């Protein structure tokens, strides 16, 4: 993010990333759980 934008992310951007990242990570967790 810093390399791309040259600035720190705002609080809103950080929480937005966190919520979407949580959905992605949880989905990957479920996929790995049933992968064997």
ModelCIF file with pLDDT and N, C-alpha, C, O atoms, coordinates in Angstrom:
data_MODEL
#
_entry.id   MODEL 
#
_entity.id                         1 
_entity.type                       polymer 
_entity.pdbx_number_of_molecules   1 
#
_entity_poly.entity_id                      1 
_entity_poly.type                           'polypeptide(L)' 
_entity_poly.nstd_linkage                   no 
_entity_poly.nstd_monomer                   no 
_entity_poly.pdbx_seq_one_letter_code       
;(UNK)(UNK)(UNK)(UNK)(UNK)(UNK)(UNK)(UNK)(UNK)(UNK)(UNK)(UNK)(UNK)(UNK)(UNK)(UNK)
(UNK)(UNK)(UNK)(UNK)(UNK)(UNK)(UNK)(UNK)(UNK)(UNK)(UNK)(UNK)(UNK)(UNK)(UNK)(UNK)
(UNK)(UNK)(UNK)(UNK)
;
_entity_poly.pdbx_seq_one_letter_code_can   XXXXXXXXXXXXXXXXXXXXXXXXXXXXXXXXXXXX 
_entity_poly.pdbx_strand_id                 A 
#
loop_
_entity_poly_seq.entity_id 
_entity_poly_seq.num 
_entity_poly_seq.mon_id 
_entity_poly_seq.hetero 
1 1  UNK n 
1 2  UNK n 
1 3  UNK n 
1 4  UNK n 
1 5  UNK n 
1 6  UNK n 
1 7  UNK n 
1 8  UNK n 
1 9  UNK n 
1 10 UNK n 
1 11 UNK n 
1 12 UNK n 
1 13 UNK n 
1 14 UNK n 
1 15 UNK n 
1 16 UNK n 
1 17 UNK n 
1 18 UNK n 
1 19 UNK n 
1 20 UNK n 
1 21 UNK n 
1 22 UNK n 
1 23 UNK n 
1 24 UNK n 
1 25 UNK n 
1 26 UNK n 
1 27 UNK n 
1 28 UNK n 
1 29 UNK n 
1 30 UNK n 
1 31 UNK n 
1 32 UNK n 
1 33 UNK n 
1 34 UNK n 
1 35 UNK n 
1 36 UNK n 
#
_struct_asym.id          A 
_struct_asym.entity_id   1 
#
loop_
_ma_qa_metric.id 
_ma_qa_metric.mode 
_ma_qa_metric.name 
_ma_qa_metric.software_group_id 
_ma_qa_metric.type 
1 global pLDDT . pLDDT 
2 local  pLDDT . pLDDT 
#
_ma_qa_metric_global.metric_id      1 
_ma_qa_metric_global.metric_value   93.81 
_ma_qa_metric_global.model_id       1 
_ma_qa_metric_global.ordinal_id     1 
#
loop_
_ma_qa_metric_local.label_asym_id 
_ma_qa_metric_local.label_comp_id 
_ma_qa_metric_local.label_seq_id 
_ma_qa_metric_local.metric_id 
_ma_qa_metric_local.metric_value 
_ma_qa_metric_local.model_id 
_ma_qa_metric_local.ordinal_id 
A UNK 1  2 96.00 1 1  
A UNK 2  2 95.00 1 2  
A UNK 3  2 94.00 1 3  
A UNK 4  2 95.00 1 4  
A UNK 5  2 95.00 1 5  
A UNK 6  2 92.00 1 6  
A UNK 7  2 94.00 1 7  
A UNK 8  2 95.00 1 8  
A UNK 9  2 96.00 1 9  
A UNK 10 2 95.00 1 10 
A UNK 11 2 95.00 1 11 
A UNK 12 2 97.00 1 12 
A UNK 13 2 96.00 1 13 
A UNK 14 2 97.00 1 14 
A UNK 15 2 97.00 1 15 
A UNK 16 2 97.00 1 16 
A UNK 17 2 97.00 1 17 
A UNK 18 2 97.00 1 18 
A UNK 19 2 97.00 1 19 
A UNK 20 2 97.00 1 20 
A UNK 21 2 97.00 1 21 
A UNK 22 2 97.00 1 22 
A UNK 23 2 97.00 1 23 
A UNK 24 2 97.00 1 24 
A UNK 25 2 96.00 1 25 
A UNK 26 2 95.00 1 26 
A UNK 27 2 95.00 1 27 
A UNK 28 2 94.00 1 28 
A UNK 29 2 92.00 1 29 
A UNK 30 2 91.00 1 30 
A UNK 31 2 91.00 1 31 
A UNK 32 2 90.00 1 32 
A UNK 33 2 88.00 1 33 
A UNK 34 2 87.00 1 34 
A UNK 35 2 84.00 1 35 
A UNK 36 2 72.00 1 36 
#
loop_
_atom_site.group_PDB 
_atom_site.id 
_atom_site.type_symbol 
_atom_site.label_atom_id 
_atom_site.label_alt_id 
_atom_site.label_comp_id 
_atom_site.label_asym_id 
_atom_site.label_entity_id 
_atom_site.label_seq_id 
_atom_site.pdbx_PDB_ins_code 
_atom_site.Cartn_x 
_atom_site.Cartn_y 
_atom_site.Cartn_z 
_atom_site.occupancy 
_atom_site.B_iso_or_equiv 
_atom_site.pdbx_formal_charge 
_atom_site.auth_seq_id 
_atom_site.auth_comp_id 
_atom_site.auth_asym_id 
_atom_site.auth_atom_id 
_atom_site.pdbx_PDB_model_num 
ATOM 1   N N  . UNK A 1 1  ? 0.836   -1.202  0.000  1.00 96.00 ? 1  UNK A N  1 
ATOM 2   C CA . UNK A 1 1  ? 0.000   0.000   0.000  1.00 96.00 ? 1  UNK A CA 1 
ATOM 3   C C  . UNK A 1 1  ? 0.874   1.258   0.000  1.00 96.00 ? 1  UNK A C  1 
ATOM 4   O O  . UNK A 1 1  ? 0.641   2.188   -0.772 1.00 96.00 ? 1  UNK A O  1 
ATOM 5   N N  . UNK A 1 2  ? 1.876   1.271   0.870  1.00 95.00 ? 2  UNK A N  1 
ATOM 6   C CA . UNK A 1 2  ? 2.757   2.439   0.955  1.00 95.00 ? 2  UNK A CA 1 
ATOM 7   C C  . UNK A 1 2  ? 3.563   2.596   -0.327 1.00 95.00 ? 2  UNK A C  1 
ATOM 8   O O  . UNK A 1 2  ? 3.748   3.717   -0.800 1.00 95.00 ? 2  UNK A O  1 
ATOM 9   N N  . UNK A 1 3  ? 4.042   1.510   -0.893 1.00 94.00 ? 3  UNK A N  1 
ATOM 10  C CA . UNK A 1 3  ? 4.797   1.595   -2.145 1.00 94.00 ? 3  UNK A CA 1 
ATOM 11  C C  . UNK A 1 3  ? 3.945   2.163   -3.272 1.00 94.00 ? 3  UNK A C  1 
ATOM 12  O O  . UNK A 1 3  ? 4.429   2.927   -4.107 1.00 94.00 ? 3  UNK A O  1 
ATOM 13  N N  . UNK A 1 4  ? 2.681   1.784   -3.285 1.00 95.00 ? 4  UNK A N  1 
ATOM 14  C CA . UNK A 1 4  ? 1.764   2.226   -4.334 1.00 95.00 ? 4  UNK A CA 1 
ATOM 15  C C  . UNK A 1 4  ? 1.309   3.672   -4.129 1.00 95.00 ? 4  UNK A C  1 
ATOM 16  O O  . UNK A 1 4  ? 1.248   4.448   -5.084 1.00 95.00 ? 4  UNK A O  1 
ATOM 17  N N  . UNK A 1 5  ? 0.992   4.031   -2.890 1.00 95.00 ? 5  UNK A N  1 
ATOM 18  C CA . UNK A 1 5  ? 0.382   5.333   -2.616 1.00 95.00 ? 5  UNK A CA 1 
ATOM 19  C C  . UNK A 1 5  ? 1.340   6.355   -2.000 1.00 95.00 ? 5  UNK A C  1 
ATOM 20  O O  . UNK A 1 5  ? 1.051   7.551   -2.018 1.00 95.00 ? 5  UNK A O  1 
ATOM 21  N N  . UNK A 1 6  ? 2.451   5.914   -1.465 1.00 92.00 ? 6  UNK A N  1 
ATOM 22  C CA . UNK A 1 6  ? 3.409   6.835   -0.864 1.00 92.00 ? 6  UNK A CA 1 
ATOM 23  C C  . UNK A 1 6  ? 2.943   7.478   0.430  1.00 92.00 ? 6  UNK A C  1 
ATOM 24  O O  . UNK A 1 6  ? 3.518   8.469   0.880  1.00 92.00 ? 6  UNK A O  1 
ATOM 25  N N  . UNK A 1 7  ? 1.903   6.915   1.028  1.00 94.00 ? 7  UNK A N  1 
ATOM 26  C CA . UNK A 1 7  ? 1.364   7.461   2.282  1.00 94.00 ? 7  UNK A CA 1 
ATOM 27  C C  . UNK A 1 7  ? 0.770   6.321   3.102  1.00 94.00 ? 7  UNK A C  1 
ATOM 28  O O  . UNK A 1 7  ? 0.497   5.236   2.588  1.00 94.00 ? 7  UNK A O  1 
ATOM 29  N N  . UNK A 1 8  ? 0.582   6.592   4.373  1.00 95.00 ? 8  UNK A N  1 
ATOM 30  C CA . UNK A 1 8  ? -0.054  5.601   5.242  1.00 95.00 ? 8  UNK A CA 1 
ATOM 31  C C  . UNK A 1 8  ? -1.549  5.508   4.924  1.00 95.00 ? 8  UNK A C  1 
ATOM 32  O O  . UNK A 1 8  ? -2.170  6.505   4.558  1.00 95.00 ? 8  UNK A O  1 
ATOM 33  N N  . UNK A 1 9  ? -2.116  4.327   5.062  1.00 96.00 ? 9  UNK A N  1 
ATOM 34  C CA . UNK A 1 9  ? -3.559  4.211   4.844  1.00 96.00 ? 9  UNK A CA 1 
ATOM 35  C C  . UNK A 1 9  ? -4.313  4.868   6.001  1.00 96.00 ? 9  UNK A C  1 
ATOM 36  O O  . UNK A 1 9  ? -3.853  4.861   7.143  1.00 96.00 ? 9  UNK A O  1 
ATOM 37  N N  . UNK A 1 10 ? -5.464  5.428   5.690  1.00 95.00 ? 10 UNK A N  1 
ATOM 38  C CA . UNK A 1 10 ? -6.302  6.002   6.731  1.00 95.00 ? 10 UNK A CA 1 
ATOM 39  C C  . UNK A 1 10 ? -6.966  4.904   7.544  1.00 95.00 ? 10 UNK A C  1 
ATOM 40  O O  . UNK A 1 10 ? -6.920  3.728   7.182  1.00 95.00 ? 10 UNK A O  1 
ATOM 41  N N  . UNK A 1 11 ? -7.572  5.297   8.628  1.00 95.00 ? 11 UNK A N  1 
ATOM 42  C CA . UNK A 1 11 ? -8.236  4.334   9.510  1.00 95.00 ? 11 UNK A CA 1 
ATOM 43  C C  . UNK A 1 11 ? -9.345  3.599   8.761  1.00 95.00 ? 11 UNK A C  1 
ATOM 44  O O  . UNK A 1 11 ? -9.488  2.382   8.886  1.00 95.00 ? 11 UNK A O  1 
ATOM 45  N N  . UNK A 1 12 ? -10.116 4.335   7.994  1.00 97.00 ? 12 UNK A N  1 
ATOM 46  C CA . UNK A 1 12 ? -11.211 3.720   7.239  1.00 97.00 ? 12 UNK A CA 1 
ATOM 47  C C  . UNK A 1 12 ? -10.688 2.683   6.239  1.00 97.00 ? 12 UNK A C  1 
ATOM 48  O O  . UNK A 1 12 ? -11.257 1.600   6.101  1.00 97.00 ? 12 UNK A O  1 
ATOM 49  N N  . UNK A 1 13 ? -9.607  3.023   5.552  1.00 96.00 ? 13 UNK A N  1 
ATOM 50  C CA . UNK A 1 13 ? -9.005  2.097   4.577  1.00 96.00 ? 13 UNK A CA 1 
ATOM 51  C C  . UNK A 1 13 ? -8.457  0.862   5.282  1.00 96.00 ? 13 UNK A C  1 
ATOM 52  O O  . UNK A 1 13 ? -8.606  -0.251  4.777  1.00 96.00 ? 13 UNK A O  1 
ATOM 53  N N  . UNK A 1 14 ? -7.836  1.038   6.421  1.00 97.00 ? 14 UNK A N  1 
ATOM 54  C CA . UNK A 1 14 ? -7.269  -0.088  7.169  1.00 97.00 ? 14 UNK A CA 1 
ATOM 55  C C  . UNK A 1 14 ? -8.366  -1.045  7.639  1.00 97.00 ? 14 UNK A C  1 
ATOM 56  O O  . UNK A 1 14 ? -8.206  -2.262  7.544  1.00 97.00 ? 14 UNK A O  1 
ATOM 57  N N  . UNK A 1 15 ? -9.474  -0.505  8.143  1.00 97.00 ? 15 UNK A N  1 
ATOM 58  C CA . UNK A 1 15 ? -10.565 -1.370  8.590  1.00 97.00 ? 15 UNK A CA 1 
ATOM 59  C C  . UNK A 1 15 ? -11.262 -2.028  7.405  1.00 97.00 ? 15 UNK A C  1 
ATOM 60  O O  . UNK A 1 15 ? -11.703 -3.173  7.503  1.00 97.00 ? 15 UNK A O  1 
ATOM 61  N N  . UNK A 1 16 ? -11.362 -1.325  6.303  1.00 97.00 ? 16 UNK A N  1 
ATOM 62  C CA . UNK A 1 16 ? -11.941 -1.914  5.097  1.00 97.00 ? 16 UNK A CA 1 
ATOM 63  C C  . UNK A 1 16 ? -11.105 -3.107  4.649  1.00 97.00 ? 16 UNK A C  1 
ATOM 64  O O  . UNK A 1 16 ? -11.635 -4.170  4.328  1.00 97.00 ? 16 UNK A O  1 
ATOM 65  N N  . UNK A 1 17 ? -9.787  -2.908  4.634  1.00 97.00 ? 17 UNK A N  1 
ATOM 66  C CA . UNK A 1 17 ? -8.893  -4.014  4.300  1.00 97.00 ? 17 UNK A CA 1 
ATOM 67  C C  . UNK A 1 17 ? -9.090  -5.176  5.278  1.00 97.00 ? 17 UNK A C  1 
ATOM 68  O O  . UNK A 1 17 ? -9.158  -6.336  4.872  1.00 97.00 ? 17 UNK A O  1 
ATOM 69  N N  . UNK A 1 18 ? -9.180  -4.852  6.561  1.00 97.00 ? 18 UNK A N  1 
ATOM 70  C CA . UNK A 1 18 ? -9.308  -5.892  7.584  1.00 97.00 ? 18 UNK A CA 1 
ATOM 71  C C  . UNK A 1 18 ? -10.575 -6.729  7.392  1.00 97.00 ? 18 UNK A C  1 
ATOM 72  O O  . UNK A 1 18 ? -10.531 -7.954  7.505  1.00 97.00 ? 18 UNK A O  1 
ATOM 73  N N  . UNK A 1 19 ? -11.694 -6.079  7.104  1.00 97.00 ? 19 UNK A N  1 
ATOM 74  C CA . UNK A 1 19 ? -12.949 -6.830  6.945  1.00 97.00 ? 19 UNK A CA 1 
ATOM 75  C C  . UNK A 1 19 ? -12.937 -7.692  5.683  1.00 97.00 ? 19 UNK A C  1 
ATOM 76  O O  . UNK A 1 19 ? -13.356 -8.849  5.716  1.00 97.00 ? 19 UNK A O  1 
ATOM 77  N N  . UNK A 1 20 ? -12.462 -7.137  4.583  1.00 97.00 ? 20 UNK A N  1 
ATOM 78  C CA . UNK A 1 20 ? -12.409 -7.936  3.351  1.00 97.00 ? 20 UNK A CA 1 
ATOM 79  C C  . UNK A 1 20 ? -11.374 -9.050  3.498  1.00 97.00 ? 20 UNK A C  1 
ATOM 80  O O  . UNK A 1 20 ? -11.610 -10.180 3.070  1.00 97.00 ? 20 UNK A O  1 
ATOM 81  N N  . UNK A 1 21 ? -10.229 -8.730  4.103  1.00 97.00 ? 21 UNK A N  1 
ATOM 82  C CA . UNK A 1 21 ? -9.208  -9.746  4.352  1.00 97.00 ? 21 UNK A CA 1 
ATOM 83  C C  . UNK A 1 21 ? -9.723  -10.871 5.228  1.00 97.00 ? 21 UNK A C  1 
ATOM 84  O O  . UNK A 1 21 ? -9.355  -12.030 5.038  1.00 97.00 ? 21 UNK A O  1 
ATOM 85  N N  . UNK A 1 22 ? -10.569 -10.537 6.182  1.00 97.00 ? 22 UNK A N  1 
ATOM 86  C CA . UNK A 1 22 ? -11.162 -11.554 7.055  1.00 97.00 ? 22 UNK A CA 1 
ATOM 87  C C  . UNK A 1 22 ? -12.054 -12.502 6.256  1.00 97.00 ? 22 UNK A C  1 
ATOM 88  O O  . UNK A 1 22 ? -12.027 -13.715 6.468  1.00 97.00 ? 22 UNK A O  1 
ATOM 89  N N  . UNK A 1 23 ? -12.829 -11.954 5.352  1.00 97.00 ? 23 UNK A N  1 
ATOM 90  C CA . UNK A 1 23 ? -13.673 -12.809 4.496  1.00 97.00 ? 23 UNK A CA 1 
ATOM 91  C C  . UNK A 1 23 ? -12.820 -13.722 3.628  1.00 97.00 ? 23 UNK A C  1 
ATOM 92  O O  . UNK A 1 23 ? -13.126 -14.906 3.482  1.00 97.00 ? 23 UNK A O  1 
ATOM 93  N N  . UNK A 1 24 ? -11.757 -13.182 3.052  1.00 97.00 ? 24 UNK A N  1 
ATOM 94  C CA . UNK A 1 24 ? -10.869 -13.982 2.203  1.00 97.00 ? 24 UNK A CA 1 
ATOM 95  C C  . UNK A 1 24 ? -10.176 -15.061 3.028  1.00 97.00 ? 24 UNK A C  1 
ATOM 96  O O  . UNK A 1 24 ? -10.155 -16.227 2.635  1.00 97.00 ? 24 UNK A O  1 
ATOM 97  N N  . UNK A 1 25 ? -9.607  -14.676 4.172  1.00 96.00 ? 25 UNK A N  1 
ATOM 98  C CA . UNK A 1 25 ? -8.880  -15.627 5.015  1.00 96.00 ? 25 UNK A CA 1 
ATOM 99  C C  . UNK A 1 25 ? -9.803  -16.723 5.552  1.00 96.00 ? 25 UNK A C  1 
ATOM 100 O O  . UNK A 1 25 ? -9.416  -17.890 5.602  1.00 96.00 ? 25 UNK A O  1 
ATOM 101 N N  . UNK A 1 26 ? -11.001 -16.357 5.945  1.00 95.00 ? 26 UNK A N  1 
ATOM 102 C CA . UNK A 1 26 ? -11.949 -17.346 6.462  1.00 95.00 ? 26 UNK A CA 1 
ATOM 103 C C  . UNK A 1 26 ? -12.353 -18.318 5.356  1.00 95.00 ? 26 UNK A C  1 
ATOM 104 O O  . UNK A 1 26 ? -12.474 -19.519 5.597  1.00 95.00 ? 26 UNK A O  1 
ATOM 105 N N  . UNK A 1 27 ? -12.559 -17.807 4.162  1.00 95.00 ? 27 UNK A N  1 
ATOM 106 C CA . UNK A 1 27 ? -12.893 -18.673 3.028  1.00 95.00 ? 27 UNK A CA 1 
ATOM 107 C C  . UNK A 1 27 ? -11.746 -19.640 2.719  1.00 95.00 ? 27 UNK A C  1 
ATOM 108 O O  . UNK A 1 27 ? -11.973 -20.824 2.471  1.00 95.00 ? 27 UNK A O  1 
ATOM 109 N N  . UNK A 1 28 ? -10.524 -19.127 2.735  1.00 94.00 ? 28 UNK A N  1 
ATOM 110 C CA . UNK A 1 28 ? -9.365  -19.987 2.497  1.00 94.00 ? 28 UNK A CA 1 
ATOM 111 C C  . UNK A 1 28 ? -9.204  -21.014 3.613  1.00 94.00 ? 28 UNK A C  1 
ATOM 112 O O  . UNK A 1 28 ? -8.790  -22.148 3.371  1.00 94.00 ? 28 UNK A O  1 
ATOM 113 N N  . UNK A 1 29 ? -9.531  -20.608 4.829  1.00 92.00 ? 29 UNK A N  1 
ATOM 114 C CA . UNK A 1 29 ? -9.474  -21.527 5.964  1.00 92.00 ? 29 UNK A CA 1 
ATOM 115 C C  . UNK A 1 29 ? -10.428 -22.704 5.745  1.00 92.00 ? 29 UNK A C  1 
ATOM 116 O O  . UNK A 1 29 ? -10.059 -23.859 5.957  1.00 92.00 ? 29 UNK A O  1 
ATOM 117 N N  . UNK A 1 30 ? -11.647 -22.401 5.321  1.00 91.00 ? 30 UNK A N  1 
ATOM 118 C CA . UNK A 1 30 ? -12.626 -23.462 5.067  1.00 91.00 ? 30 UNK A CA 1 
ATOM 119 C C  . UNK A 1 30 ? -12.138 -24.362 3.932  1.00 91.00 ? 30 UNK A C  1 
ATOM 120 O O  . UNK A 1 30 ? -12.254 -25.584 4.017  1.00 91.00 ? 30 UNK A O  1 
ATOM 121 N N  . UNK A 1 31 ? -11.596 -23.764 2.875  1.00 91.00 ? 31 UNK A N  1 
ATOM 122 C CA . UNK A 1 31 ? -11.084 -24.565 1.756  1.00 91.00 ? 31 UNK A CA 1 
ATOM 123 C C  . UNK A 1 31 ? -9.961  -25.486 2.213  1.00 91.00 ? 31 UNK A C  1 
ATOM 124 O O  . UNK A 1 31 ? -9.931  -26.658 1.834  1.00 91.00 ? 31 UNK A O  1 
ATOM 125 N N  . UNK A 1 32 ? -9.039  -24.973 3.020  1.00 90.00 ? 32 UNK A N  1 
ATOM 126 C CA . UNK A 1 32 ? -7.944  -25.799 3.525  1.00 90.00 ? 32 UNK A CA 1 
ATOM 127 C C  . UNK A 1 32 ? -8.446  -26.883 4.486  1.00 90.00 ? 32 UNK A C  1 
ATOM 128 O O  . UNK A 1 32 ? -7.884  -27.976 4.548  1.00 90.00 ? 32 UNK A O  1 
ATOM 129 N N  . UNK A 1 33 ? -9.492  -26.573 5.220  1.00 88.00 ? 33 UNK A N  1 
ATOM 130 C CA . UNK A 1 33 ? -10.039 -27.552 6.171  1.00 88.00 ? 33 UNK A CA 1 
ATOM 131 C C  . UNK A 1 33 ? -10.542 -28.797 5.453  1.00 88.00 ? 33 UNK A C  1 
ATOM 132 O O  . UNK A 1 33 ? -10.419 -29.910 5.965  1.00 88.00 ? 33 UNK A O  1 
ATOM 133 N N  . UNK A 1 34 ? -11.103 -28.606 4.273  1.00 87.00 ? 34 UNK A N  1 
ATOM 134 C CA . UNK A 1 34 ? -11.667 -29.737 3.541  1.00 87.00 ? 34 UNK A CA 1 
ATOM 135 C C  . UNK A 1 34 ? -10.756 -30.238 2.433  1.00 87.00 ? 34 UNK A C  1 
ATOM 136 O O  . UNK A 1 34 ? -11.126 -31.156 1.702  1.00 87.00 ? 34 UNK A O  1 
ATOM 137 N N  . UNK A 1 35 ? -9.562  -29.648 2.294  1.00 84.00 ? 35 UNK A N  1 
ATOM 138 C CA . UNK A 1 35 ? -8.616  -30.081 1.264  1.00 84.00 ? 35 UNK A CA 1 
ATOM 139 C C  . UNK A 1 35 ? -7.946  -31.401 1.646  1.00 84.00 ? 35 UNK A C  1 
ATOM 140 O O  . UNK A 1 35 ? -7.395  -32.091 0.788  1.00 84.00 ? 35 UNK A O  1 
ATOM 141 N N  . UNK A 1 36 ? -7.992  -31.737 2.888  1.00 72.00 ? 36 UNK A N  1 
ATOM 142 C CA . UNK A 1 36 ? -7.401  -32.999 3.332  1.00 72.00 ? 36 UNK A CA 1 
ATOM 143 C C  . UNK A 1 36 ? -6.326  -32.782 4.367  1.00 72.00 ? 36 UNK A C  1 
ATOM 144 O O  . UNK A 1 36 ? -5.727  -33.744 4.847  1.00 72.00 ? 36 UNK A O  1 
#
